[in-house]
Amino acid sequence: MAKIKVQGSDITVLALADRDYISLTDMAGAKDGDSRAADIIKNWMRNRYTIEFLGTWEMIHNPGFKVVEFDHFRKQAGLPSFV
């Protein structure tokens, strides 16, 4: 694992199969501190636009993606009861 410095914060970069992945947890922790990183990511993952983006990405890149099962999550995203 390597680290890059972004606006003064260290962000972990992991290389797998010739692709680089950055740590969302490190990015969220850089904004409001490590104690709030999980809450920031949790709220981001509940957002309807995030869910729709992830569904689109999966449809393009994952041949085994189950669109029918995903549709349940997509319809619930953004509602106060969606966790």
PDB file of N, CA and C in Angstrom:
ATOM      1  N   MET A   1       0.841  -1.183   0.000  1.00  0.00           N
ATOM      2  CA  MET A   1       0.000   0.000   0.000  1.00  0.00           C
ATOM      3  C   MET A   1       0.881   1.239   0.000  1.00  0.00           C
ATOM      4  N   ALA A   2       0.484   2.161  -0.797  1.00  0.00           N
ATOM      5  CA  ALA A   2       1.193   3.430  -0.868  1.00  0.00           C
ATOM      6  C   ALA A   2       0.298   4.520  -0.283  1.00  0.00           C
ATOM      7  N   LYS A   3       0.891   5.657  -0.027  1.00  0.00           N
ATOM      8  CA  LYS A   3       0.142   6.812   0.469  1.00  0.00           C
ATOM      9  C   LYS A   3       0.420   7.983  -0.461  1.00  0.00           C
ATOM     10  N   ILE A   4      -0.596   8.766  -0.690  1.00  0.00           N
ATOM     11  CA  ILE A   4      -0.418  10.033  -1.396  1.00  0.00           C
ATOM     12  C   ILE A   4      -0.884  11.139  -0.459  1.00  0.00           C
ATOM     13  N   LYS A   5      -0.354  12.318  -0.646  1.00  0.00           N
ATOM     14  CA  LYS A   5      -0.756  13.447   0.179  1.00  0.00           C
ATOM     15  C   LYS A   5      -1.682  14.333  -0.651  1.00  0.00           C
ATOM     16  N   VAL A   6      -2.902  14.541  -0.128  1.00  0.00           N
ATOM     17  CA  VAL A   6      -3.896  15.364  -0.802  1.00  0.00           C
ATOM     18  C   VAL A   6      -4.312  16.462   0.160  1.00  0.00           C
ATOM     19  N   GLN A   7      -4.060  17.690  -0.204  1.00  0.00           N
ATOM     20  CA  GLN A   7      -4.388  18.853   0.627  1.00  0.00           C
ATOM     21  C   GLN A   7      -3.949  18.643   2.072  1.00  0.00           C
ATOM     22  N   GLY A   8      -2.747  18.107   2.236  1.00  0.00           N
ATOM     23  CA  GLY A   8      -2.163  17.941   3.552  1.00  0.00           C
ATOM     24  C   GLY A   8      -2.552  16.672   4.289  1.00  0.00           C
ATOM     25  N   SER A   9      -3.366  15.811   3.699  1.00  0.00           N
ATOM     26  CA  SER A   9      -3.794  14.576   4.348  1.00  0.00           C
ATOM     27  C   SER A   9      -3.247  13.363   3.595  1.00  0.00           C
ATOM     28  N   ASP A  10      -2.836  12.348   4.351  1.00  0.00           N
ATOM     29  CA  ASP A  10      -2.366  11.102   3.748  1.00  0.00           C
ATOM     30  C   ASP A  10      -3.557  10.237   3.365  1.00  0.00           C
ATOM     31  N   ILE A  11      -3.576   9.787   2.108  1.00  0.00           N
ATOM     32  CA  ILE A  11      -4.643   8.935   1.581  1.00  0.00           C
ATOM     33  C   ILE A  11      -3.999   7.641   1.086  1.00  0.00           C
ATOM     34  N   THR A  12      -4.531   6.506   1.525  1.00  0.00           N
ATOM     35  CA  THR A  12      -4.001   5.200   1.134  1.00  0.00           C
ATOM     36  C   THR A  12      -4.423   4.873  -0.293  1.00  0.00           C
ATOM     37  N   VAL A  13      -3.463   4.335  -1.062  1.00  0.00           N
ATOM     38  CA  VAL A  13      -3.722   3.871  -2.423  1.00  0.00           C
ATOM     39  C   VAL A  13      -3.303   2.409  -2.483  1.00  0.00           C
ATOM     40  N   LEU A  14      -4.212   1.561  -2.923  1.00  0.00           N
ATOM     41  CA  LEU A  14      -3.953   0.123  -3.031  1.00  0.00           C
ATOM     42  C   LEU A  14      -3.965  -0.258  -4.506  1.00  0.00           C
ATOM     43  N   ALA A  15      -2.923  -0.951  -4.952  1.00  0.00           N
ATOM     44  CA  ALA A  15      -2.845  -1.402  -6.343  1.00  0.00           C
ATOM     45  C   ALA A  15      -3.196  -2.886  -6.404  1.00  0.00           C
ATOM     46  N   LEU A  16      -4.193  -3.221  -7.232  1.00  0.00           N
ATOM     47  CA  LEU A  16      -4.622  -4.606  -7.447  1.00  0.00           C
ATOM     48  C   LEU A  16      -4.869  -4.818  -8.931  1.00  0.00           C
ATOM     49  N   ALA A  17      -4.265  -5.816  -9.490  1.00  0.00           N
ATOM     50  CA  ALA A  17      -4.486  -6.175 -10.898  1.00  0.00           C
ATOM     51  C   ALA A  17      -4.371  -4.964 -11.821  1.00  0.00           C
ATOM     52  N   ASP A  18      -3.294  -4.219 -11.683  1.00  0.00           N
ATOM     53  CA  ASP A  18      -3.012  -3.052 -12.530  1.00  0.00           C
ATOM     54  C   ASP A  18      -4.044  -1.937 -12.415  1.00  0.00           C
ATOM     55  N   ARG A  19      -4.758  -1.901 -11.301  1.00  0.00           N
ATOM     56  CA  ARG A  19      -5.709  -0.814 -11.041  1.00  0.00           C
ATOM     57  C   ARG A  19      -5.407  -0.233  -9.664  1.00  0.00           C
ATOM     58  N   ASP A  20      -5.600   1.057  -9.520  1.00  0.00           N
ATOM     59  CA  ASP A  20      -5.388   1.726  -8.244  1.00  0.00           C
ATOM     60  C   ASP A  20      -6.728   2.025  -7.586  1.00  0.00           C
ATOM     61  N   TYR A  21      -6.777   1.819  -6.276  1.00  0.00           N
ATOM     62  CA  TYR A  21      -7.980   2.087  -5.488  1.00  0.00           C
ATOM     63  C   TYR A  21      -7.594   3.012  -4.352  1.00  0.00           C
ATOM     64  N   ILE A  22      -8.390   4.062  -4.144  1.00  0.00           N
ATOM     65  CA  ILE A  22      -8.109   5.001  -3.060  1.00  0.00           C
ATOM     66  C   ILE A  22      -9.049   4.724  -1.894  1.00  0.00           C
ATOM     67  N   SER A  23      -8.621   5.063  -0.708  1.00  0.00           N
ATOM     68  CA  SER A  23      -9.379   4.791   0.501  1.00  0.00           C
ATOM     69  C   SER A  23     -10.412   5.888   0.763  1.00  0.00           C
ATOM     70  N   LEU A  24     -11.694   5.521   0.671  1.00  0.00           N
ATOM     71  CA  LEU A  24     -12.754   6.472   1.001  1.00  0.00           C
ATOM     72  C   LEU A  24     -12.721   6.831   2.485  1.00  0.00           C
ATOM     73  N   THR A  25     -12.350   5.860   3.307  1.00  0.00           N
ATOM     74  CA  THR A  25     -12.272   6.120   4.745  1.00  0.00           C
ATOM     75  C   THR A  25     -11.230   7.187   5.047  1.00  0.00           C
ATOM     76  N   ASP A  26     -10.070   7.100   4.394  1.00  0.00           N
ATOM     77  CA  ASP A  26      -9.037   8.128   4.586  1.00  0.00           C
ATOM     78  C   ASP A  26      -9.523   9.486   4.106  1.00  0.00           C
ATOM     79  N   MET A  27     -10.225   9.511   2.985  1.00  0.00           N
ATOM     80  CA  MET A  27     -10.733  10.779   2.460  1.00  0.00           C
ATOM     81  C   MET A  27     -11.772  11.385   3.400  1.00  0.00           C
ATOM     82  N   ALA A  28     -12.683  10.563   3.901  1.00  0.00           N
ATOM     83  CA  ALA A  28     -13.707  11.051   4.830  1.00  0.00           C
ATOM     84  C   ALA A  28     -13.075  11.498   6.135  1.00  0.00           C
ATOM     85  N   GLY A  29     -12.075  10.767   6.607  1.00  0.00           N
ATOM     86  CA  GLY A  29     -11.388  11.132   7.844  1.00  0.00           C
ATOM     87  C   GLY A  29     -10.635  12.439   7.715  1.00  0.00           C
ATOM     88  N   ALA A  30     -10.141  12.729   6.526  1.00  0.00           N
ATOM     89  CA  ALA A  30      -9.404  13.972   6.306  1.00  0.00           C
ATOM     90  C   ALA A  30     -10.329  15.185   6.415  1.00  0.00           C
ATOM     91  N   LYS A  31     -11.596  14.985   6.082  1.00  0.00           N
ATOM     92  CA  LYS A  31     -12.537  16.103   6.112  1.00  0.00           C
ATOM     93  C   LYS A  31     -12.959  16.472   7.540  1.00  0.00           C
ATOM     94  N   ASP A  32     -13.383  15.493   8.318  1.00  0.00           N
ATOM     95  CA  ASP A  32     -13.928  15.777   9.648  1.00  0.00           C
ATOM     96  C   ASP A  32     -13.263  15.000  10.769  1.00  0.00           C
ATOM     97  N   GLY A  33     -12.158  14.346  10.507  1.00  0.00           N
ATOM     98  CA  GLY A  33     -11.498  13.553  11.546  1.00  0.00           C
ATOM     99  C   GLY A  33     -11.940  12.107  11.501  1.00  0.00           C
ATOM    100  N   ASP A  34     -11.061  11.227  11.961  1.00  0.00           N
ATOM    101  CA  ASP A  34     -11.317   9.792  11.887  1.00  0.00           C
ATOM    102  C   ASP A  34     -12.565   9.354  12.642  1.00  0.00           C
ATOM    103  N   SER A  35     -12.926  10.043  13.694  1.00  0.00           N
ATOM    104  CA  SER A  35     -14.077   9.616  14.493  1.00  0.00           C
ATOM    105  C   SER A  35     -15.395   9.757  13.728  1.00  0.00           C
ATOM    106  N   ARG A  36     -15.440  10.628  12.733  1.00  0.00           N
ATOM    107  CA  ARG A  36     -16.672  10.840  11.964  1.00  0.00           C
ATOM    108  C   ARG A  36     -16.644  10.180  10.599  1.00  0.00           C
ATOM    109  N   ALA A  37     -15.540   9.560  10.223  1.00  0.00           N
ATOM    110  CA  ALA A  37     -15.398   8.990   8.882  1.00  0.00           C
ATOM    111  C   ALA A  37     -16.483   7.960   8.581  1.00  0.00           C
ATOM    112  N   ALA A  38     -16.779   7.086   9.510  1.00  0.00           N
ATOM    113  CA  ALA A  38     -17.797   6.050   9.290  1.00  0.00           C
ATOM    114  C   ALA A  38     -19.171   6.671   9.065  1.00  0.00           C
ATOM    115  N   ASP A  39     -19.505   7.711   9.819  1.00  0.00           N
ATOM    116  CA  ASP A  39     -20.803   8.379   9.645  1.00  0.00           C
ATOM    117  C   ASP A  39     -20.899   9.064   8.291  1.00  0.00           C
ATOM    118  N   ILE A  40     -19.814   9.674   7.856  1.00  0.00           N
ATOM    119  CA  ILE A  40     -19.806  10.350   6.560  1.00  0.00           C
ATOM    120  C   ILE A  40     -20.049   9.345   5.443  1.00  0.00           C
ATOM    121  N   ILE A  41     -19.352   8.205   5.488  1.00  0.00           N
ATOM    122  CA  ILE A  41     -19.507   7.184   4.459  1.00  0.00           C
ATOM    123  C   ILE A  41     -20.899   6.567   4.523  1.00  0.00           C
ATOM    124  N   LYS A  42     -21.400   6.330   5.738  1.00  0.00           N
ATOM    125  CA  LYS A  42     -22.738   5.759   5.904  1.00  0.00           C
ATOM    126  C   LYS A  42     -23.801   6.665   5.271  1.00  0.00           C
ATOM    127  N   ASN A  43     -23.702   7.956   5.523  1.00  0.00           N
ATOM    128  CA  ASN A  43     -24.661   8.897   4.951  1.00  0.00           C
ATOM    129  C   ASN A  43     -24.526   8.985   3.438  1.00  0.00           C
ATOM    130  N   TRP A  44     -23.304   8.950   2.946  1.00  0.00           N
ATOM    131  CA  TRP A  44     -23.069   8.977   1.501  1.00  0.00           C
ATOM    132  C   TRP A  44     -23.677   7.745   0.836  1.00  0.00           C
ATOM    133  N   MET A  45     -23.549   6.582   1.473  1.00  0.00           N
ATOM    134  CA  MET A  45     -24.066   5.335   0.911  1.00  0.00           C
ATOM    135  C   MET A  45     -25.600   5.276   0.925  1.00  0.00           C
ATOM    136  N   ARG A  46     -26.244   6.092   1.730  1.00  0.00           N
ATOM    137  CA  ARG A  46     -27.712   6.129   1.777  1.00  0.00           C
ATOM    138  C   ARG A  46     -28.295   7.048   0.716  1.00  0.00           C
ATOM    139  N   ASN A  47     -27.467   7.890   0.134  1.00  0.00           N
ATOM    140  CA  ASN A  47     -27.914   8.875  -0.831  1.00  0.00           C
ATOM    141  C   ASN A  47     -28.416   8.207  -2.112  1.00  0.00           C
ATOM    142  N   ARG A  48     -29.554   8.650  -2.617  1.00  0.00           N
ATOM    143  CA  ARG A  48     -30.154   8.045  -3.808  1.00  0.00           C
ATOM    144  C   ARG A  48     -29.223   8.132  -5.015  1.00  0.00           C
ATOM    145  N   TYR A  49     -28.546   9.273  -5.198  1.00  0.00           N
ATOM    146  CA  TYR A  49     -27.656   9.442  -6.348  1.00  0.00           C
ATOM    147  C   TYR A  49     -26.459   8.495  -6.258  1.00  0.00           C
ATOM    148  N   THR A  50     -25.961   8.265  -5.061  1.00  0.00           N
ATOM    149  CA  THR A  50     -24.856   7.320  -4.880  1.00  0.00           C
ATOM    150  C   THR A  50     -25.300   5.914  -5.241  1.00  0.00           C
ATOM    151  N   ILE A  51     -26.475   5.520  -4.759  1.00  0.00           N
ATOM    152  CA  ILE A  51     -27.000   4.177  -5.057  1.00  0.00           C
ATOM    153  C   ILE A  51     -27.198   4.009  -6.565  1.00  0.00           C
ATOM    154  N   GLU A  52     -27.747   5.018  -7.222  1.00  0.00           N
ATOM    155  CA  GLU A  52     -27.951   4.931  -8.671  1.00  0.00           C
ATOM    156  C   GLU A  52     -26.620   4.857  -9.411  1.00  0.00           C
ATOM    157  N   PHE A  53     -25.626   5.615  -8.971  1.00  0.00           N
ATOM    158  CA  PHE A  53     -24.296   5.560  -9.585  1.00  0.00           C
ATOM    159  C   PHE A  53     -23.699   4.165  -9.432  1.00  0.00           C
ATOM    160  N   LEU A  54     -23.774   3.616  -8.216  1.00  0.00           N
ATOM    161  CA  LEU A  54     -23.216   2.281  -7.980  1.00  0.00           C
ATOM    162  C   LEU A  54     -23.932   1.226  -8.829  1.00  0.00           C
ATOM    163  N   GLY A  55     -25.246   1.349  -8.980  1.00  0.00           N
ATOM    164  CA  GLY A  55     -25.994   0.415  -9.813  1.00  0.00           C
ATOM    165  C   GLY A  55     -25.571   0.494 -11.275  1.00  0.00           C
ATOM    166  N   THR A  56     -25.393   1.701 -11.765  1.00  0.00           N
ATOM    167  CA  THR A  56     -24.942   1.881 -13.144  1.00  0.00           C
ATOM    168  C   THR A  56     -23.550   1.305 -13.335  1.00  0.00           C
ATOM    169  N   TRP A  57     -22.656   1.581 -12.387  1.00  0.00           N
ATOM    170  CA  TRP A  57     -21.287   1.060 -12.467  1.00  0.00           C
ATOM    171  C   TRP A  57     -21.306  -0.464 -12.480  1.00  0.00           C
ATOM    172  N   GLU A  58     -22.108  -1.060 -11.627  1.00  0.00           N
ATOM    173  CA  GLU A  58     -22.195  -2.519 -11.572  1.00  0.00           C
ATOM    174  C   GLU A  58     -22.746  -3.100 -12.875  1.00  0.00           C
ATOM    175  N   MET A  59     -23.763  -2.461 -13.443  1.00  0.00           N
ATOM    176  CA  MET A  59     -24.322  -2.957 -14.707  1.00  0.00           C
ATOM    177  C   MET A  59     -23.283  -2.948 -15.820  1.00  0.00           C
ATOM    178  N   ILE A  60     -22.419  -1.959 -15.817  1.00  0.00           N
ATOM    179  CA  ILE A  60     -21.384  -1.850 -16.852  1.00  0.00           C
ATOM    180  C   ILE A  60     -20.250  -2.837 -16.608  1.00  0.00           C
ATOM    181  N   HIS A  61     -19.811  -2.991 -15.353  1.00  0.00           N
ATOM    182  CA  HIS A  61     -18.586  -3.724 -15.042  1.00  0.00           C
ATOM    183  C   HIS A  61     -18.776  -5.115 -14.444  1.00  0.00           C
ATOM    184  N   ASN A  62     -19.979  -5.463 -14.046  1.00  0.00           N
ATOM    185  CA  ASN A  62     -20.194  -6.735 -13.363  1.00  0.00           C
ATOM    186  C   ASN A  62     -21.227  -7.572 -14.117  1.00  0.00           C
ATOM    187  N   PRO A  63     -20.770  -8.551 -14.905  1.00  0.00           N
ATOM    188  CA  PRO A  63     -21.721  -9.362 -15.681  1.00  0.00           C
ATOM    189  C   PRO A  63     -22.674 -10.180 -14.805  1.00  0.00           C
ATOM    190  N   GLY A  64     -22.321 -10.417 -13.539  1.00  0.00           N
ATOM    191  CA  GLY A  64     -23.174 -11.188 -12.642  1.00  0.00           C
ATOM    192  C   GLY A  64     -24.081 -10.328 -11.782  1.00  0.00           C
ATOM    193  N   PHE A  65     -24.133  -9.032 -12.075  1.00  0.00           N
ATOM    194  CA  PHE A  65     -24.939  -8.108 -11.275  1.00  0.00           C
ATOM    195  C   PHE A  65     -26.420  -8.448 -11.390  1.00  0.00           C
ATOM    196  N   LYS A  66     -27.097  -8.494 -10.257  1.00  0.00           N
ATOM    197  CA  LYS A  66     -28.513  -8.869 -10.203  1.00  0.00           C
ATOM    198  C   LYS A  66     -29.368  -7.601 -10.166  1.00  0.00           C
ATOM    199  N   VAL A  67     -29.779  -7.156 -11.338  1.00  0.00           N
ATOM    200  CA  VAL A  67     -30.510  -5.903 -11.483  1.00  0.00           C
ATOM    201  C   VAL A  67     -31.838  -5.938 -10.731  1.00  0.00           C
ATOM    202  N   VAL A  68     -32.559  -7.047 -10.789  1.00  0.00           N
ATOM    203  CA  VAL A  68     -33.866  -7.138 -10.135  1.00  0.00           C
ATOM    204  C   VAL A  68     -33.720  -6.969  -8.620  1.00  0.00           C
ATOM    205  N   GLU A  69     -32.731  -7.634  -8.025  1.00  0.00           N
ATOM    206  CA  GLU A  69     -32.514  -7.501  -6.586  1.00  0.00           C
ATOM    207  C   GLU A  69     -32.070  -6.094  -6.216  1.00  0.00           C
ATOM    208  N   PHE A  70     -31.251  -5.491  -7.079  1.00  0.00           N
ATOM    209  CA  PHE A  70     -30.766  -4.135  -6.823  1.00  0.00           C
ATOM    210  C   PHE A  70     -31.905  -3.121  -6.854  1.00  0.00           C
ATOM    211  N   ASP A  71     -32.893  -3.348  -7.694  1.00  0.00           N
ATOM    212  CA  ASP A  71     -33.996  -2.405  -7.845  1.00  0.00           C
ATOM    213  C   ASP A  71     -34.686  -2.124  -6.511  1.00  0.00           C
ATOM    214  N   HIS A  72     -34.752  -3.125  -5.637  1.00  0.00           N
ATOM    215  CA  HIS A  72     -35.333  -2.928  -4.300  1.00  0.00           C
ATOM    216  C   HIS A  72     -34.563  -1.849  -3.535  1.00  0.00           C
ATOM    217  N   PHE A  73     -33.235  -1.928  -3.559  1.00  0.00           N
ATOM    218  CA  PHE A  73     -32.411  -0.927  -2.866  1.00  0.00           C
ATOM    219  C   PHE A  73     -32.566   0.445  -3.506  1.00  0.00           C
ATOM    220  N   ARG A  74     -32.574   0.471  -4.824  1.00  0.00           N
ATOM    221  CA  ARG A  74     -32.689   1.739  -5.538  1.00  0.00           C
ATOM    222  C   ARG A  74     -33.980   2.460  -5.177  1.00  0.00           C
ATOM    223  N   LYS A  75     -35.085   1.742  -5.084  1.00  0.00           N
ATOM    224  CA  LYS A  75     -36.370   2.355  -4.752  1.00  0.00           C
ATOM    225  C   LYS A  75     -36.416   2.872  -3.321  1.00  0.00           C
ATOM    226  N   GLN A  76     -35.684   2.235  -2.418  1.00  0.00           N
ATOM    227  CA  GLN A  76     -35.686   2.639  -1.015  1.00  0.00           C
ATOM    228  C   GLN A  76     -34.702   3.777  -0.718  1.00  0.00           C
ATOM    229  N   ALA A  77     -33.704   3.937  -1.570  1.00  0.00           N
ATOM    230  CA  ALA A  77     -32.640   4.933  -1.331  1.00  0.00           C
ATOM    231  C   ALA A  77     -33.218   6.329  -1.178  1.00  0.00           C
ATOM    232  N   GLY A  78     -32.702   7.050  -0.209  1.00  0.00           N
ATOM    233  CA  GLY A  78     -33.132   8.402   0.040  1.00  0.00           C
ATOM    234  C   GLY A  78     -34.281   8.527   1.025  1.00  0.00           C
ATOM    235  N   LEU A  79     -34.993   7.436   1.290  1.00  0.00           N
ATOM    236  CA  LEU A  79     -36.067   7.478   2.280  1.00  0.00           C
ATOM    237  C   LEU A  79     -35.479   7.499   3.687  1.00  0.00           C
ATOM    238  N   PRO A  80     -36.139   8.129   4.635  1.00  0.00           N
ATOM    239  CA  PRO A  80     -35.608   8.170   6.005  1.00  0.00           C
ATOM    240  C   PRO A  80     -35.403   6.784   6.624  1.00  0.00           C
ATOM    241  N   SER A  81     -36.184   5.803   6.194  1.00  0.00           N
ATOM    242  CA  SER A  81     -36.067   4.455   6.769  1.00  0.00           C
ATOM    243  C   SER A  81     -34.967   3.620   6.113  1.00  0.00           C
ATOM    244  N   PHE A  82     -34.359   4.110   5.037  1.00  0.00           N
ATOM    245  CA  PHE A  82     -33.348   3.329   4.313  1.00  0.00           C
ATOM    246  C   PHE A  82     -32.018   3.353   5.068  1.00  0.00           C
ATOM    247  N   VAL A  83     -31.537   2.160   5.375  1.00  0.00           N
ATOM    248  CA  VAL A  83     -30.236   2.039   6.070  1.00  0.00           C
ATOM    249  C   VAL A  83     -29.366   1.109   5.270  1.00  0.00           C
TER     250      VAL A  83
END
